Amino acid sequence: MSASTPVNPIHVAVVGPGDADDDICLLADQLAQALVTRLSAVIVCGGLSGVMAAAAAGAARVGGVSVGLLPGDDRTGAAPHLSIALPTGLGQLRNGLVVTASDAVVAVGCNWGTLSEVALAARLGRPTFVLNGWSISPPQPGVHRVTGVTEAVDAIRGALGR
């Protein structure tokens, strides 16, 4: 951890597609930067490409810490900017670890894996925010749509009382 990371920092999962387009990746990068600079958050992700790699890069760009929980049993394919890459050997089941290790979850973009993380976060009662992703209908308690990075960070701060 960097010298400015608190002893018991907030852990925020930034989840989203591994094949996300450039606009979604830019959003994930900006989100991670804001989470680190404004909340001193540790970024937790699935550790591979797309949104996951962009979040790790964003955290690294501002001196933050990112933890990637990888699906395989080695570090092959890990995003290059991760601070910590942890092989789980669990495949897609690692999504449950990503959510459980986090105090809040932000889904950036959408695919089936991302939807599973949103569902797991809701089941665990983690504050969950969807940025440029699917709408869930009817709305579910604890799952909130946000329209931008600033709104997402402010909502996490409010939900966690920080």
Protein backbone atom coordinates (compact mmCIF):
# COMPACT_ATOMS: atom_id res chain seq x y z
CA MET A 1 0.00 0.00 0.00
CA SER A 2 1.09 3.55 -0.56
CA ALA A 3 2.04 5.77 2.34
CA SER A 4 -1.30 7.58 2.00
CA THR A 5 -3.47 4.43 2.10
CA PRO A 6 -5.33 4.24 5.44
CA VAL A 7 -4.82 1.25 7.73
CA ASN A 8 -8.37 0.02 7.12
CA PRO A 9 -9.25 1.39 3.68
CA ILE A 10 -12.52 1.01 1.85
CA HIS A 11 -12.40 -1.80 -0.71
CA VAL A 12 -14.48 -1.08 -3.81
CA ALA A 13 -15.03 -3.65 -6.54
CA VAL A 14 -15.00 -2.20 -10.03
CA VAL A 15 -16.58 -4.86 -12.22
CA GLY A 16 -17.43 -5.00 -15.89
CA PRO A 17 -16.81 -6.73 -19.20
CA GLY A 18 -13.38 -8.02 -20.13
CA ASP A 19 -14.16 -7.06 -23.72
CA ALA A 20 -15.43 -3.56 -22.96
CA ASP A 21 -15.09 -0.82 -25.57
CA ASP A 22 -12.76 2.16 -25.19
CA ASP A 23 -15.46 4.46 -23.75
CA ILE A 24 -16.37 2.01 -21.00
CA CYS A 25 -12.69 1.38 -20.21
CA LEU A 26 -12.05 5.13 -19.95
CA LEU A 27 -14.97 5.40 -17.53
CA ALA A 28 -13.56 2.54 -15.40
CA ASP A 29 -10.12 4.18 -15.39
CA GLN A 30 -11.58 7.54 -14.31
CA LEU A 31 -13.74 5.86 -11.67
CA ALA A 32 -10.76 4.06 -10.12
CA GLN A 33 -8.74 7.28 -10.08
CA ALA A 34 -11.58 9.10 -8.31
CA LEU A 35 -12.12 6.28 -5.80
CA VAL A 36 -8.43 6.30 -4.89
CA THR A 37 -8.00 10.08 -4.75
CA ARG A 38 -11.29 10.95 -3.04
CA LEU A 39 -11.86 7.91 -0.78
CA SER A 40 -8.37 6.34 -0.52
CA ALA A 41 -10.07 3.15 -1.71
CA VAL A 42 -8.42 -0.12 -2.62
CA ILE A 43 -9.74 -1.28 -5.99
CA VAL A 44 -10.82 -4.93 -6.22
CA CYS A 45 -11.50 -6.55 -9.59
CA GLY A 46 -11.42 -9.79 -11.54
CA GLY A 47 -7.87 -9.02 -12.64
CA LEU A 48 -8.04 -9.56 -16.39
CA SER A 49 -8.70 -7.26 -19.39
CA GLY A 50 -11.26 -4.58 -20.26
CA VAL A 51 -12.90 -2.84 -17.30
CA MET A 52 -10.71 -4.79 -14.88
CA ALA A 53 -7.43 -3.71 -16.53
CA ALA A 54 -8.69 -0.14 -16.92
CA ALA A 55 -9.58 0.08 -13.21
CA ALA A 56 -6.15 -1.26 -12.22
CA ALA A 57 -4.47 1.24 -14.57
CA GLY A 58 -6.52 4.11 -13.16
CA ALA A 59 -5.61 3.19 -9.60
CA ALA A 60 -1.92 2.88 -10.51
CA ARG A 61 -1.95 6.24 -12.28
CA VAL A 62 -2.75 8.01 -8.98
CA GLY A 63 -0.60 5.80 -6.71
CA GLY A 64 -3.43 3.57 -5.52
CA VAL A 65 -3.66 -0.14 -4.80
CA SER A 66 -5.58 -2.66 -6.88
CA VAL A 67 -6.18 -6.33 -6.16
CA GLY A 68 -7.12 -8.72 -8.95
CA LEU A 69 -8.76 -12.05 -8.09
CA LEU A 70 -7.91 -14.15 -11.12
CA PRO A 71 -10.02 -17.05 -12.40
CA GLY A 72 -7.08 -19.37 -13.17
CA ASP A 73 -4.55 -21.17 -11.04
CA ASP A 74 -1.66 -18.90 -12.05
CA ARG A 75 -1.08 -15.25 -12.93
CA THR A 76 -1.29 -15.76 -16.69
CA GLY A 77 -3.28 -12.97 -18.31
CA ALA A 78 -3.28 -10.72 -15.25
CA ALA A 79 -3.77 -7.02 -15.97
CA PRO A 80 -0.32 -5.40 -16.04
CA HIS A 81 -1.10 -2.54 -13.61
CA LEU A 82 -2.46 -4.65 -10.75
CA SER A 83 -0.73 -4.10 -7.41
CA ILE A 84 -1.61 -7.65 -6.35
CA ALA A 85 -2.70 -10.53 -8.61
CA LEU A 86 -4.17 -13.53 -6.75
CA PRO A 87 -4.92 -16.74 -8.68
CA THR A 88 -8.04 -18.44 -7.31
CA GLY A 89 -8.46 -21.48 -9.55
CA LEU A 90 -12.22 -20.84 -9.36
CA GLY A 91 -13.06 -19.66 -12.88
CA GLN A 92 -16.23 -17.54 -12.92
CA LEU A 93 -16.92 -18.49 -9.30
CA ARG A 94 -14.24 -15.97 -8.35
CA ASN A 95 -16.94 -13.33 -8.91
CA GLY A 96 -18.24 -14.22 -5.45
CA LEU A 97 -14.81 -13.52 -3.96
CA VAL A 98 -14.56 -10.16 -5.74
CA VAL A 99 -17.88 -9.08 -4.24
CA THR A 100 -17.28 -10.58 -0.78
CA ALA A 101 -13.88 -8.87 -0.50
CA SER A 102 -15.46 -5.46 -1.20
CA ASP A 103 -17.40 -2.94 0.85
CA ALA A 104 -19.21 -1.61 -2.23
CA VAL A 105 -19.50 -2.61 -5.90
CA VAL A 106 -19.64 -0.48 -9.04
CA ALA A 107 -20.58 -2.18 -12.30
CA VAL A 108 -19.27 -0.31 -15.34
CA GLY A 109 -20.86 -1.61 -18.53
CA CYS A 110 -22.63 -4.94 -18.74
CA ASN A 111 -22.26 -8.59 -19.61
CA TRP A 112 -23.40 -11.82 -17.93
CA GLY A 113 -20.44 -11.97 -15.55
CA THR A 114 -21.05 -8.38 -14.47
CA LEU A 115 -24.72 -9.10 -13.90
CA SER A 116 -23.76 -12.06 -11.70
CA GLU A 117 -21.57 -9.77 -9.60
CA VAL A 118 -24.39 -7.24 -9.24
CA ALA A 119 -26.74 -10.04 -8.14
CA LEU A 120 -24.23 -11.43 -5.63
CA ALA A 121 -23.56 -7.96 -4.23
CA ALA A 122 -27.29 -7.34 -3.78
CA ARG A 123 -27.71 -10.71 -2.05
CA LEU A 124 -24.81 -9.89 0.32
CA GLY A 125 -26.19 -6.44 1.05
CA ARG A 126 -23.22 -4.61 -0.45
CA PRO A 127 -24.07 -1.12 -1.71
CA THR A 128 -24.14 -1.60 -5.48
CA PHE A 129 -24.02 1.00 -8.21
CA VAL A 130 -24.53 0.56 -11.95
CA LEU A 131 -22.77 2.97 -14.31
CA ASN A 132 -23.60 2.62 -18.03
CA GLY A 133 -25.00 -0.86 -17.46
CA TRP A 134 -28.25 -2.75 -17.50
CA SER A 135 -31.35 -1.46 -15.77
CA ILE A 136 -32.80 -3.90 -13.28
CA SER A 137 -36.57 -3.94 -13.23
CA PRO A 138 -38.24 -3.75 -10.89
CA PRO A 139 -35.60 -1.74 -8.98
CA GLN A 140 -33.95 -3.76 -6.24
CA PRO A 141 -33.01 -2.53 -2.76
CA GLY A 142 -29.33 -1.62 -2.55
CA VAL A 143 -28.80 -1.47 -6.34
CA HIS A 144 -28.64 2.09 -7.67
CA ARG A 145 -28.05 3.57 -11.12
CA VAL A 146 -25.52 6.40 -11.26
CA THR A 147 -24.89 8.67 -14.20
CA GLY A 148 -21.22 9.50 -13.78
CA VAL A 149 -18.01 9.06 -11.83
CA THR A 150 -18.67 11.90 -9.37
CA GLU A 151 -22.15 10.61 -8.57
CA ALA A 152 -20.78 7.08 -8.08
CA VAL A 153 -18.06 8.21 -5.65
CA ASP A 154 -20.45 10.46 -3.73
CA ALA A 155 -22.98 7.62 -3.50
CA ILE A 156 -20.35 5.20 -2.17
CA ARG A 157 -19.18 7.77 0.37
CA GLY A 158 -22.79 8.23 1.52
CA ALA A 159 -23.58 4.52 1.61
CA LEU A 160 -20.47 3.72 3.66
CA GLY A 161 -20.62 6.79 5.86
CA ARG A 162 -17.14 8.03 4.90
